Amino acid sequence: MDRGEVVRVELPQPQGQSGHEQIGKRPAIVAQVPAASANLSTVILVPLTGQLHNARHFGSVVITATTENGLDVDSVALVHQLRAIDRKRILATLGRITDADLHKVDSGIRDILGL
């Protein structure tokens, strides 16, 4: 698994009343480096949504759908929902975002974490 890959994941429903967390089957961008993938059973990723109005959120990045990234619709990378999930929740690899888009996602992550 490599940074910048677009994967389809199953994000679980939280226990109790749900809030604004992304849930269900959806695409996401792998955010962790390959060295971390070597010995972790989890993967850090950025969920995507096809709801373009979510681009208004701090640090969010619009990703245009292409055959290379495997997205069906233009999507928003929700860097404010950065999360770790078990690898078992990854259903498929769809493609890869461009280096330019990965740079924007990285910038959004740095901004949201204050790095």
PDB file of N, CA and C in Angstrom:
ATOM      1  N   MET A   1       0.847  -1.164   0.000  1.00  0.00           N
ATOM      2  CA  MET A   1       0.000   0.000   0.000  1.00  0.00           C
ATOM      3  C   MET A   1       0.897   1.233   0.000  1.00  0.00           C
ATOM      4  N   ASP A   2       0.576   2.172  -0.867  1.00  0.00           N
ATOM      5  CA  ASP A   2       1.443   3.326  -1.051  1.00  0.00           C
ATOM      6  C   ASP A   2       0.662   4.624  -0.857  1.00  0.00           C
ATOM      7  N   ARG A   3       1.360   5.635  -0.360  1.00  0.00           N
ATOM      8  CA  ARG A   3       0.745   6.958  -0.218  1.00  0.00           C
ATOM      9  C   ARG A   3       0.195   7.408  -1.555  1.00  0.00           C
ATOM     10  N   GLY A   4      -0.997   7.979  -1.531  1.00  0.00           N
ATOM     11  CA  GLY A   4      -1.602   8.480  -2.750  1.00  0.00           C
ATOM     12  C   GLY A   4      -2.508   7.498  -3.451  1.00  0.00           C
ATOM     13  N   GLU A   5      -2.494   6.232  -3.031  1.00  0.00           N
ATOM     14  CA  GLU A   5      -3.418   5.271  -3.622  1.00  0.00           C
ATOM     15  C   GLU A   5      -4.842   5.595  -3.187  1.00  0.00           C
ATOM     16  N   VAL A   6      -5.769   5.385  -4.094  1.00  0.00           N
ATOM     17  CA  VAL A   6      -7.183   5.538  -3.781  1.00  0.00           C
ATOM     18  C   VAL A   6      -7.734   4.134  -3.564  1.00  0.00           C
ATOM     19  N   VAL A   7      -8.329   3.920  -2.405  1.00  0.00           N
ATOM     20  CA  VAL A   7      -8.878   2.612  -2.053  1.00  0.00           C
ATOM     21  C   VAL A   7     -10.355   2.755  -1.708  1.00  0.00           C
ATOM     22  N   ARG A   8     -11.103   1.678  -1.885  1.00  0.00           N
ATOM     23  CA  ARG A   8     -12.485   1.635  -1.407  1.00  0.00           C
ATOM     24  C   ARG A   8     -12.436   0.972  -0.041  1.00  0.00           C
ATOM     25  N   VAL A   9     -13.064   1.628   0.934  1.00  0.00           N
ATOM     26  CA  VAL A   9     -13.037   1.148   2.314  1.00  0.00           C
ATOM     27  C   VAL A   9     -14.441   1.039   2.872  1.00  0.00           C
ATOM     28  N   GLU A  10     -14.545   0.311   3.955  1.00  0.00           N
ATOM     29  CA  GLU A  10     -15.785   0.220   4.735  1.00  0.00           C
ATOM     30  C   GLU A  10     -15.513   0.890   6.067  1.00  0.00           C
ATOM     31  N   LEU A  11     -16.045   2.101   6.256  1.00  0.00           N
ATOM     32  CA  LEU A  11     -15.861   2.818   7.510  1.00  0.00           C
ATOM     33  C   LEU A  11     -17.022   2.478   8.437  1.00  0.00           C
ATOM     34  N   PRO A  12     -16.701   1.935   9.604  1.00  0.00           N
ATOM     35  CA  PRO A  12     -17.765   1.451  10.491  1.00  0.00           C
ATOM     36  C   PRO A  12     -18.574   2.562  11.139  1.00  0.00           C
ATOM     37  N   GLN A  13     -19.824   2.236  11.434  1.00  0.00           N
ATOM     38  CA  GLN A  13     -20.707   3.114  12.195  1.00  0.00           C
ATOM     39  C   GLN A  13     -20.192   3.154  13.625  1.00  0.00           C
ATOM     40  N   PRO A  14     -20.010   4.347  14.208  1.00  0.00           N
ATOM     41  CA  PRO A  14     -19.565   4.399  15.603  1.00  0.00           C
ATOM     42  C   PRO A  14     -20.657   3.891  16.543  1.00  0.00           C
ATOM     43  N   GLN A  15     -20.242   3.433  17.710  1.00  0.00           N
ATOM     44  CA  GLN A  15     -21.221   3.001  18.704  1.00  0.00           C
ATOM     45  C   GLN A  15     -21.958   4.220  19.228  1.00  0.00           C
ATOM     46  N   GLY A  16     -23.187   4.029  19.600  1.00  0.00           N
ATOM     47  CA  GLY A  16     -23.983   5.148  20.092  1.00  0.00           C
ATOM     48  C   GLY A  16     -24.504   5.980  18.936  1.00  0.00           C
ATOM     49  N   GLN A  17     -24.916   7.171  19.255  1.00  0.00           N
ATOM     50  CA  GLN A  17     -25.480   8.059  18.246  1.00  0.00           C
ATOM     51  C   GLN A  17     -24.377   8.561  17.320  1.00  0.00           C
ATOM     52  N   SER A  18     -24.590   8.452  16.017  1.00  0.00           N
ATOM     53  CA  SER A  18     -23.569   8.915  15.082  1.00  0.00           C
ATOM     54  C   SER A  18     -23.591  10.435  15.000  1.00  0.00           C
ATOM     55  N   GLY A  19     -22.436  10.962  14.660  1.00  0.00           N
ATOM     56  CA  GLY A  19     -22.292  12.410  14.498  1.00  0.00           C
ATOM     57  C   GLY A  19     -21.994  12.722  13.048  1.00  0.00           C
ATOM     58  N   HIS A  20     -20.881  13.377  12.813  1.00  0.00           N
ATOM     59  CA  HIS A  20     -20.518  13.813  11.469  1.00  0.00           C
ATOM     60  C   HIS A  20     -19.389  12.987  10.874  1.00  0.00           C
ATOM     61  N   GLU A  21     -19.028  11.871  11.511  1.00  0.00           N
ATOM     62  CA  GLU A  21     -17.989  11.014  10.964  1.00  0.00           C
ATOM     63  C   GLU A  21     -18.459  10.391   9.649  1.00  0.00           C
ATOM     64  N   GLN A  22     -17.520  10.200   8.733  1.00  0.00           N
ATOM     65  CA  GLN A  22     -17.824   9.488   7.495  1.00  0.00           C
ATOM     66  C   GLN A  22     -17.980   8.008   7.827  1.00  0.00           C
ATOM     67  N   ILE A  23     -19.007   7.377   7.256  1.00  0.00           N
ATOM     68  CA  ILE A  23     -19.249   5.948   7.489  1.00  0.00           C
ATOM     69  C   ILE A  23     -19.607   5.292   6.159  1.00  0.00           C
ATOM     70  N   GLY A  24     -19.610   3.981   6.169  1.00  0.00           N
ATOM     71  CA  GLY A  24     -20.037   3.215   5.009  1.00  0.00           C
ATOM     72  C   GLY A  24     -18.935   2.999   3.988  1.00  0.00           C
ATOM     73  N   LYS A  25     -19.330   2.420   2.857  1.00  0.00           N
ATOM     74  CA  LYS A  25     -18.383   2.149   1.777  1.00  0.00           C
ATOM     75  C   LYS A  25     -18.131   3.437   1.009  1.00  0.00           C
ATOM     76  N   ARG A  26     -16.845   3.749   0.840  1.00  0.00           N
ATOM     77  CA  ARG A  26     -16.472   4.986   0.158  1.00  0.00           C
ATOM     78  C   ARG A  26     -15.011   4.917  -0.237  1.00  0.00           C
ATOM     79  N   PRO A  27     -14.610   5.781  -1.174  1.00  0.00           N
ATOM     80  CA  PRO A  27     -13.183   5.854  -1.499  1.00  0.00           C
ATOM     81  C   PRO A  27     -12.440   6.665  -0.445  1.00  0.00           C
ATOM     82  N   ALA A  28     -11.152   6.408  -0.358  1.00  0.00           N
ATOM     83  CA  ALA A  28     -10.281   7.138   0.561  1.00  0.00           C
ATOM     84  C   ALA A  28      -8.872   7.135  -0.018  1.00  0.00           C
ATOM     85  N   ILE A  29      -8.059   8.073   0.433  1.00  0.00           N
ATOM     86  CA  ILE A  29      -6.674   8.188  -0.024  1.00  0.00           C
ATOM     87  C   ILE A  29      -5.752   7.700   1.082  1.00  0.00           C
ATOM     88  N   VAL A  30      -4.832   6.799   0.738  1.00  0.00           N
ATOM     89  CA  VAL A  30      -3.842   6.319   1.700  1.00  0.00           C
ATOM     90  C   VAL A  30      -2.882   7.463   2.000  1.00  0.00           C
ATOM     91  N   ALA A  31      -2.700   7.765   3.293  1.00  0.00           N
ATOM     92  CA  ALA A  31      -1.870   8.895   3.702  1.00  0.00           C
ATOM     93  C   ALA A  31      -0.541   8.469   4.315  1.00  0.00           C
ATOM     94  N   GLN A  32      -0.410   7.226   4.746  1.00  0.00           N
ATOM     95  CA  GLN A  32       0.818   6.826   5.428  1.00  0.00           C
ATOM     96  C   GLN A  32       1.883   6.351   4.446  1.00  0.00           C
ATOM     97  N   VAL A  33       3.122   6.424   4.886  1.00  0.00           N
ATOM     98  CA  VAL A  33       4.254   6.022   4.065  1.00  0.00           C
ATOM     99  C   VAL A  33       4.358   4.499   4.010  1.00  0.00           C
ATOM    100  N   PRO A  34       4.949   3.944   2.939  1.00  0.00           N
ATOM    101  CA  PRO A  34       5.063   2.485   2.817  1.00  0.00           C
ATOM    102  C   PRO A  34       5.795   1.833   3.984  1.00  0.00           C
ATOM    103  N   ALA A  35       6.793   2.505   4.561  1.00  0.00           N
ATOM    104  CA  ALA A  35       7.529   1.920   5.686  1.00  0.00           C
ATOM    105  C   ALA A  35       6.597   1.619   6.859  1.00  0.00           C
ATOM    106  N   ALA A  36       5.571   2.454   7.053  1.00  0.00           N
ATOM    107  CA  ALA A  36       4.613   2.217   8.133  1.00  0.00           C
ATOM    108  C   ALA A  36       3.736   1.015   7.820  1.00  0.00           C
ATOM    109  N   SER A  37       3.499   0.783   6.548  1.00  0.00           N
ATOM    110  CA  SER A  37       2.643  -0.332   6.146  1.00  0.00           C
ATOM    111  C   SER A  37       3.298  -1.683   6.387  1.00  0.00           C
ATOM    112  N   ALA A  38       4.614  -1.708   6.499  1.00  0.00           N
ATOM    113  CA  ALA A  38       5.344  -2.965   6.628  1.00  0.00           C
ATOM    114  C   ALA A  38       4.991  -3.740   7.898  1.00  0.00           C
ATOM    115  N   ASN A  39       4.705  -3.021   9.001  1.00  0.00           N
ATOM    116  CA  ASN A  39       4.481  -3.750  10.251  1.00  0.00           C
ATOM    117  C   ASN A  39       3.242  -3.309  11.031  1.00  0.00           C
ATOM    118  N   LEU A  40       2.360  -2.558  10.389  1.00  0.00           N
ATOM    119  CA  LEU A  40       1.132  -2.133  11.058  1.00  0.00           C
ATOM    120  C   LEU A  40      -0.071  -2.849  10.463  1.00  0.00           C
ATOM    121  N   SER A  41      -1.022  -3.178  11.293  1.00  0.00           N
ATOM    122  CA  SER A  41      -2.249  -3.801  10.784  1.00  0.00           C
ATOM    123  C   SER A  41      -3.309  -2.744  10.486  1.00  0.00           C
ATOM    124  N   THR A  42      -2.948  -1.481  10.686  1.00  0.00           N
ATOM    125  CA  THR A  42      -3.856  -0.376  10.393  1.00  0.00           C
ATOM    126  C   THR A  42      -3.264   0.462   9.266  1.00  0.00           C
ATOM    127  N   VAL A  43      -4.115   1.285   8.683  1.00  0.00           N
ATOM    128  CA  VAL A  43      -3.674   2.209   7.645  1.00  0.00           C
ATOM    129  C   VAL A  43      -4.319   3.565   7.916  1.00  0.00           C
ATOM    130  N   ILE A  44      -3.526   4.634   7.751  1.00  0.00           N
ATOM    131  CA  ILE A  44      -4.028   5.989   7.944  1.00  0.00           C
ATOM    132  C   ILE A  44      -4.491   6.508   6.593  1.00  0.00           C
ATOM    133  N   LEU A  45      -5.727   7.020   6.568  1.00  0.00           N
ATOM    134  CA  LEU A  45      -6.251   7.501   5.293  1.00  0.00           C
ATOM    135  C   LEU A  45      -7.126   8.723   5.450  1.00  0.00           C
ATOM    136  N   VAL A  46      -7.397   9.331   4.286  1.00  0.00           N
ATOM    137  CA  VAL A  46      -8.249  10.510   4.207  1.00  0.00           C
ATOM    138  C   VAL A  46      -9.508  10.097   3.452  1.00  0.00           C
ATOM    139  N   PRO A  47     -10.673  10.100   4.106  1.00  0.00           N
ATOM    140  CA  PRO A  47     -11.917   9.747   3.422  1.00  0.00           C
ATOM    141  C   PRO A  47     -12.267  10.762   2.332  1.00  0.00           C
ATOM    142  N   LEU A  48     -12.952  10.277   1.313  1.00  0.00           N
ATOM    143  CA  LEU A  48     -13.435  11.117   0.225  1.00  0.00           C
ATOM    144  C   LEU A  48     -14.956  11.135   0.231  1.00  0.00           C
ATOM    145  N   THR A  49     -15.527  12.232  -0.258  1.00  0.00           N
ATOM    146  CA  THR A  49     -16.963  12.336  -0.446  1.00  0.00           C
ATOM    147  C   THR A  49     -17.234  12.950  -1.811  1.00  0.00           C
ATOM    148  N   GLY A  50     -18.333  12.553  -2.407  1.00  0.00           N
ATOM    149  CA  GLY A  50     -18.771  13.141  -3.669  1.00  0.00           C
ATOM    150  C   GLY A  50     -19.607  14.389  -3.464  1.00  0.00           C
ATOM    151  N   GLN A  51     -19.836  14.762  -2.232  1.00  0.00           N
ATOM    152  CA  GLN A  51     -20.616  15.959  -1.912  1.00  0.00           C
ATOM    153  C   GLN A  51     -19.681  17.171  -1.971  1.00  0.00           C
ATOM    154  N   LEU A  52     -19.642  17.839  -3.131  1.00  0.00           N
ATOM    155  CA  LEU A  52     -18.660  18.897  -3.370  1.00  0.00           C
ATOM    156  C   LEU A  52     -18.816  20.115  -2.463  1.00  0.00           C
ATOM    157  N   HIS A  53     -19.990  20.306  -1.867  1.00  0.00           N
ATOM    158  CA  HIS A  53     -20.145  21.442  -0.943  1.00  0.00           C
ATOM    159  C   HIS A  53     -19.230  21.291   0.273  1.00  0.00           C
ATOM    160  N   ASN A  54     -18.717  20.087   0.521  1.00  0.00           N
ATOM    161  CA  ASN A  54     -17.809  19.865   1.645  1.00  0.00           C
ATOM    162  C   ASN A  54     -16.420  20.452   1.407  1.00  0.00           C
ATOM    163  N   ALA A  55     -16.175  20.979   0.215  1.00  0.00           N
ATOM    164  CA  ALA A  55     -14.894  21.633  -0.061  1.00  0.00           C
ATOM    165  C   ALA A  55     -14.729  22.890   0.789  1.00  0.00           C
ATOM    166  N   ARG A  56     -15.803  23.345   1.411  1.00  0.00           N
ATOM    167  CA  ARG A  56     -15.749  24.548   2.248  1.00  0.00           C
ATOM    168  C   ARG A  56     -15.014  24.307   3.563  1.00  0.00           C
ATOM    169  N   HIS A  57     -14.841  23.041   3.953  1.00  0.00           N
ATOM    170  CA  HIS A  57     -14.191  22.732   5.227  1.00  0.00           C
ATOM    171  C   HIS A  57     -12.690  22.995   5.162  1.00  0.00           C
ATOM    172  N   PHE A  58     -12.161  23.474   6.252  1.00  0.00           N
ATOM    173  CA  PHE A  58     -10.747  23.818   6.354  1.00  0.00           C
ATOM    174  C   PHE A  58      -9.861  22.666   5.891  1.00  0.00           C
ATOM    175  N   GLY A  59      -8.952  22.955   4.970  1.00  0.00           N
ATOM    176  CA  GLY A  59      -7.970  21.984   4.506  1.00  0.00           C
ATOM    177  C   GLY A  59      -8.455  21.016   3.453  1.00  0.00           C
ATOM    178  N   SER A  60      -9.755  21.017   3.140  1.00  0.00           N
ATOM    179  CA  SER A  60     -10.286  20.060   2.166  1.00  0.00           C
ATOM    180  C   SER A  60      -9.717  20.318   0.777  1.00  0.00           C
ATOM    181  N   VAL A  61      -9.636  19.252  -0.028  1.00  0.00           N
ATOM    182  CA  VAL A  61      -9.040  19.315  -1.364  1.00  0.00           C
ATOM    183  C   VAL A  61      -9.996  18.655  -2.351  1.00  0.00           C
ATOM    184  N   VAL A  62     -10.293  19.343  -3.451  1.00  0.00           N
ATOM    185  CA  VAL A  62     -11.126  18.755  -4.502  1.00  0.00           C
ATOM    186  C   VAL A  62     -10.235  17.900  -5.399  1.00  0.00           C
ATOM    187  N   ILE A  63     -10.661  16.660  -5.633  1.00  0.00           N
ATOM    188  CA  ILE A  63      -9.955  15.721  -6.503  1.00  0.00           C
ATOM    189  C   ILE A  63     -10.859  15.439  -7.703  1.00  0.00           C
ATOM    190  N   THR A  64     -10.394  15.776  -8.893  1.00  0.00           N
ATOM    191  CA  THR A  64     -11.158  15.541 -10.112  1.00  0.00           C
ATOM    192  C   THR A  64     -11.098  14.055 -10.474  1.00  0.00           C
ATOM    193  N   ALA A  65     -12.239  13.472 -10.797  1.00  0.00           N
ATOM    194  CA  ALA A  65     -12.313  12.055 -11.169  1.00  0.00           C
ATOM    195  C   ALA A  65     -11.570  11.822 -12.483  1.00  0.00           C
ATOM    196  N   THR A  66     -10.708  10.795 -12.503  1.00  0.00           N
ATOM    197  CA  THR A  66      -9.986  10.393 -13.712  1.00  0.00           C
ATOM    198  C   THR A  66      -9.913   8.872 -13.766  1.00  0.00           C
ATOM    199  N   THR A  67      -9.534   8.351 -14.897  1.00  0.00           N
ATOM    200  CA  THR A  67      -9.347   6.898 -14.984  1.00  0.00           C
ATOM    201  C   THR A  67      -8.155   6.464 -14.131  1.00  0.00           C
ATOM    202  N   GLU A  68      -7.168   7.349 -13.953  1.00  0.00           N
ATOM    203  CA  GLU A  68      -5.983   7.004 -13.163  1.00  0.00           C
ATOM    204  C   GLU A  68      -6.292   6.871 -11.674  1.00  0.00           C
ATOM    205  N   ASN A  69      -7.180   7.727 -11.155  1.00  0.00           N
ATOM    206  CA  ASN A  69      -7.465   7.630  -9.722  1.00  0.00           C
ATOM    207  C   ASN A  69      -8.653   6.718  -9.424  1.00  0.00           C
ATOM    208  N   GLY A  70      -9.382   6.315 -10.458  1.00  0.00           N
ATOM    209  CA  GLY A  70     -10.471   5.359 -10.280  1.00  0.00           C
ATOM    210  C   GLY A  70     -11.738   5.926  -9.677  1.00  0.00           C
ATOM    211  N   LEU A  71     -11.803   7.241  -9.495  1.00  0.00           N
ATOM    212  CA  LEU A  71     -13.010   7.842  -8.929  1.00  0.00           C
ATOM    213  C   LEU A  71     -14.082   7.969 -10.000  1.00  0.00           C
ATOM    214  N   ASP A  72     -15.327   7.730  -9.614  1.00  0.00           N
ATOM    215  CA  ASP A  72     -16.470   7.854 -10.527  1.00  0.00           C
ATOM    216  C   ASP A  72     -16.943   9.290 -10.653  1.00  0.00           C
ATOM    217  N   VAL A  73     -16.751  10.074  -9.594  1.00  0.00           N
ATOM    218  CA  VAL A  73     -17.211  11.467  -9.564  1.00  0.00           C
ATOM    219  C   VAL A  73     -16.130  12.333  -8.936  1.00  0.00           C
ATOM    220  N   ASP A  74     -16.136  13.618  -9.273  1.00  0.00           N
ATOM    221  CA  ASP A  74     -15.250  14.557  -8.589  1.00  0.00           C
ATOM    222  C   ASP A  74     -15.554  14.448  -7.094  1.00  0.00           C
ATOM    223  N   SER A  75     -14.507  14.513  -6.285  1.00  0.00           N
ATOM    224  CA  SER A  75     -14.655  14.240  -4.854  1.00  0.00           C
ATOM    225  C   SER A  75     -13.879  15.241  -4.022  1.00  0.00           C
ATOM    226  N   VAL A  76     -14.181  15.261  -2.745  1.00  0.00           N
ATOM    227  CA  VAL A  76     -13.487  16.133  -1.796  1.00  0.00           C
ATOM    228  C   VAL A  76     -12.748  15.259  -0.797  1.00  0.00           C
ATOM    229  N   ALA A  77     -11.432  15.500  -0.660  1.00  0.00           N
ATOM    230  CA  ALA A  77     -10.620  14.828   0.355  1.00  0.00           C
ATOM    231  C   ALA A  77     -10.845  15.551   1.675  1.00  0.00           C
ATOM    232  N   LEU A  78     -11.423  14.840   2.621  1.00  0.00           N
ATOM    233  CA  LEU A  78     -11.795  15.417   3.918  1.00  0.00           C
ATOM    234  C   LEU A  78     -10.651  15.251   4.909  1.00  0.00           C
ATOM    235  N   VAL A  79      -9.630  16.115   4.792  1.00  0.00           N
ATOM    236  CA  VAL A  79      -8.453  15.954   5.638  1.00  0.00           C
ATOM    237  C   VAL A  79      -8.792  16.113   7.123  1.00  0.00           C
ATOM    238  N   HIS A  80      -9.868  16.803   7.431  1.00  0.00           N
ATOM    239  CA  HIS A  80     -10.264  16.954   8.837  1.00  0.00           C
ATOM    240  C   HIS A  80     -10.840  15.651   9.399  1.00  0.00           C
ATOM    241  N   GLN A  81     -11.009  14.639   8.541  1.00  0.00           N
ATOM    242  CA  GLN A  81     -11.492  13.336   8.997  1.00  0.00           C
ATOM    243  C   GLN A  81     -10.409  12.269   8.866  1.00  0.00           C
ATOM    244  N   LEU A  82      -9.153  12.683   8.860  1.00  0.00           N
ATOM    245  CA  LEU A  82      -8.010  11.770   8.833  1.00  0.00           C
ATOM    246  C   LEU A  82      -8.207  10.706   9.901  1.00  0.00           C
ATOM    247  N   ARG A  83      -8.018   9.428   9.516  1.00  0.00           N
ATOM    248  CA  ARG A  83      -8.244   8.370  10.510  1.00  0.00           C
ATOM    249  C   ARG A  83      -7.484   7.113  10.175  1.00  0.00           C
ATOM    250  N   ALA A  84      -7.327   6.288  11.188  1.00  0.00           N
ATOM    251  CA  ALA A  84      -6.707   4.971  11.027  1.00  0.00           C
ATOM    252  C   ALA A  84      -7.809   3.924  11.046  1.00  0.00           C
ATOM    253  N   ILE A  85      -7.700   2.967  10.128  1.00  0.00           N
ATOM    254  CA  ILE A  85      -8.640   1.844  10.116  1.00  0.00           C
ATOM    255  C   ILE A  85      -7.851   0.551   9.977  1.00  0.00           C
ATOM    256  N   ASP A  86      -8.458  -0.539  10.363  1.00  0.00           N
ATOM    257  CA  ASP A  86      -7.846  -1.850  10.175  1.00  0.00           C
ATOM    258  C   ASP A  86      -7.775  -2.151   8.687  1.00  0.00           C
ATOM    259  N   ARG A  87      -6.679  -2.766   8.255  1.00  0.00           N
ATOM    260  CA  ARG A  87      -6.506  -3.123   6.844  1.00  0.00           C
ATOM    261  C   ARG A  87      -7.642  -4.003   6.314  1.00  0.00           C
ATOM    262  N   LYS A  88      -8.274  -4.757   7.195  1.00  0.00           N
ATOM    263  CA  LYS A  88      -9.371  -5.637   6.772  1.00  0.00           C
ATOM    264  C   LYS A  88     -10.541  -4.846   6.202  1.00  0.00           C
ATOM    265  N   ARG A  89     -10.588  -3.560   6.492  1.00  0.00           N
ATOM    266  CA  ARG A  89     -11.688  -2.717   6.005  1.00  0.00           C
ATOM    267  C   ARG A  89     -11.428  -2.168   4.601  1.00  0.00           C
ATOM    268  N   ILE A  90     -10.251  -2.450   4.048  1.00  0.00           N
ATOM    269  CA  ILE A  90      -9.954  -2.038   2.672  1.00  0.00           C
ATOM    270  C   ILE A  90     -10.517  -3.097   1.738  1.00  0.00           C
ATOM    271  N   LEU A  91     -11.413  -2.674   0.854  1.00  0.00           N
ATOM    272  CA  LEU A  91     -12.121  -3.598  -0.027  1.00  0.00           C
ATOM    273  C   LEU A  91     -11.453  -3.745  -1.385  1.00  0.00           C
ATOM    274  N   ALA A  92     -10.839  -2.664  -1.896  1.00  0.00           N
ATOM    275  CA  ALA A  92     -10.222  -2.705  -3.231  1.00  0.00           C
ATOM    276  C   ALA A  92      -9.335  -1.482  -3.419  1.00  0.00           C
ATOM    277  N   THR A  93      -8.391  -1.614  -4.327  1.00  0.00           N
ATOM    278  CA  THR A  93      -7.596  -0.466  -4.765  1.00  0.00           C
ATOM    279  C   THR A  93      -8.198   0.034  -6.066  1.00  0.00           C
ATOM    280  N   LEU A  94      -8.481   1.338  -6.132  1.00  0.00           N
ATOM    281  CA  LEU A  94      -9.135   1.924  -7.296  1.00  0.00           C
ATOM    282  C   LEU A  94      -8.160   2.585  -8.257  1.00  0.00           C
ATOM    283  N   GLY A  95      -7.097   3.178  -7.716  1.00  0.00           N
ATOM    284  CA  GLY A  95      -6.146   3.904  -8.547  1.00  0.00           C
ATOM    285  C   GLY A  95      -5.208   4.719  -7.699  1.00  0.00           C
ATOM    286  N   ARG A  96      -4.742   5.830  -8.264  1.00  0.00           N
ATOM    287  CA  ARG A  96      -3.781   6.684  -7.570  1.00  0.00           C
ATOM    288  C   ARG A  96      -4.017   8.134  -7.971  1.00  0.00           C
ATOM    289  N   ILE A  97      -3.945   9.049  -6.996  1.00  0.00           N
ATOM    290  CA  ILE A  97      -4.065  10.473  -7.320  1.00  0.00           C
ATOM    291  C   ILE A  97      -2.731  10.969  -7.881  1.00  0.00           C
ATOM    292  N   THR A  98      -2.780  12.108  -8.542  1.00  0.00           N
ATOM    293  CA  THR A  98      -1.562  12.690  -9.104  1.00  0.00           C
ATOM    294  C   THR A  98      -0.660  13.205  -7.990  1.00  0.00           C
ATOM    295  N   ASP A  99       0.612  13.387  -8.327  1.00  0.00           N
ATOM    296  CA  ASP A  99       1.547  13.957  -7.351  1.00  0.00           C
ATOM    297  C   ASP A  99       1.096  15.349  -6.926  1.00  0.00           C
ATOM    298  N   ALA A 100       0.536  16.119  -7.869  1.00  0.00           N
ATOM    299  CA  ALA A 100       0.052  17.468  -7.539  1.00  0.00           C
ATOM    300  C   ALA A 100      -1.093  17.397  -6.530  1.00  0.00           C
ATOM    301  N   ASP A 101      -2.038  16.468  -6.740  1.00  0.00           N
ATOM    302  CA  ASP A 101      -3.139  16.314  -5.780  1.00  0.00           C
ATOM    303  C   ASP A 101      -2.630  15.807  -4.440  1.00  0.00           C
ATOM    304  N   LEU A 102      -1.661  14.885  -4.457  1.00  0.00           N
ATOM    305  CA  LEU A 102      -1.098  14.380  -3.208  1.00  0.00           C
ATOM    306  C   LEU A 102      -0.421  15.517  -2.443  1.00  0.00           C
ATOM    307  N   HIS A 103       0.249  16.400  -3.142  1.00  0.00           N
ATOM    308  CA  HIS A 103       0.872  17.557  -2.499  1.00  0.00           C
ATOM    309  C   HIS A 103      -0.186  18.435  -1.825  1.00  0.00           C
ATOM    310  N   LYS A 104      -1.331  18.630  -2.490  1.00  0.00           N
ATOM    311  CA  LYS A 104      -2.413  19.428  -1.903  1.00  0.00           C
ATOM    312  C   LYS A 104      -2.987  18.745  -0.663  1.00  0.00           C
ATOM    313  N   VAL A 105      -3.162  17.424  -0.731  1.00  0.00           N
ATOM    314  CA  VAL A 105      -3.666  16.671   0.424  1.00  0.00           C
ATOM    315  C   VAL A 105      -2.670  16.771   1.576  1.00  0.00           C
ATOM    316  N   ASP A 106      -1.378  16.584   1.275  1.00  0.00           N
ATOM    317  CA  ASP A 106      -0.351  16.710   2.313  1.00  0.00           C
ATOM    318  C   ASP A 106      -0.397  18.095   2.960  1.00  0.00           C
ATOM    319  N   SER A 107      -0.566  19.122   2.143  1.00  0.00           N
ATOM    320  CA  SER A 107      -0.643  20.478   2.653  1.00  0.00           C
ATOM    321  C   SER A 107      -1.862  20.644   3.557  1.00  0.00           C
ATOM    322  N   GLY A 108      -3.007  20.082   3.148  1.00  0.00           N
ATOM    323  CA  GLY A 108      -4.212  20.141   3.970  1.00  0.00           C
ATOM    324  C   GLY A 108      -4.021  19.442   5.306  1.00  0.00           C
ATOM    325  N   ILE A 109      -3.334  18.285   5.286  1.00  0.00           N
ATOM    326  CA  ILE A 109      -3.066  17.556   6.525  1.00  0.00           C
ATOM    327  C   ILE A 109      -2.160  18.390   7.444  1.00  0.00           C
ATOM    328  N   ARG A 110      -1.117  18.964   6.877  1.00  0.00           N
ATOM    329  CA  ARG A 110      -0.226  19.810   7.693  1.00  0.00           C
ATOM    330  C   ARG A 110      -1.000  20.979   8.284  1.00  0.00           C
ATOM    331  N   ASP A 111      -1.860  21.591   7.484  1.00  0.00           N
ATOM    332  CA  ASP A 111      -2.631  22.743   7.969  1.00  0.00           C
ATOM    333  C   ASP A 111      -3.555  22.351   9.116  1.00  0.00           C
ATOM    334  N   ILE A 112      -4.287  21.232   8.963  1.00  0.00           N
ATOM    335  CA  ILE A 112      -5.275  20.839   9.963  1.00  0.00           C
ATOM    336  C   ILE A 112      -4.578  20.400  11.282  1.00  0.00           C
ATOM    337  N   LEU A 113      -3.339  19.868  11.159  1.00  0.00           N
ATOM    338  CA  LEU A 113      -2.612  19.418  12.353  1.00  0.00           C
ATOM    339  C   LEU A 113      -1.649  20.475  12.883  1.00  0.00           C
ATOM    340  N   GLY A 114      -1.531  21.586  12.150  1.00  0.00           N
ATOM    341  CA  GLY A 114      -0.632  22.651  12.602  1.00  0.00           C
ATOM    342  C   GLY A 114       0.831  22.287  12.511  1.00  0.00           C
ATOM    343  N   LEU A 115       1.195  21.508  11.507  1.00  0.00           N
ATOM    344  CA  LEU A 115       2.596  21.074  11.356  1.00  0.00           C
ATOM    345  C   LEU A 115       3.376  22.016  10.443  1.00  0.00           C
TER     346      LEU A 115
END
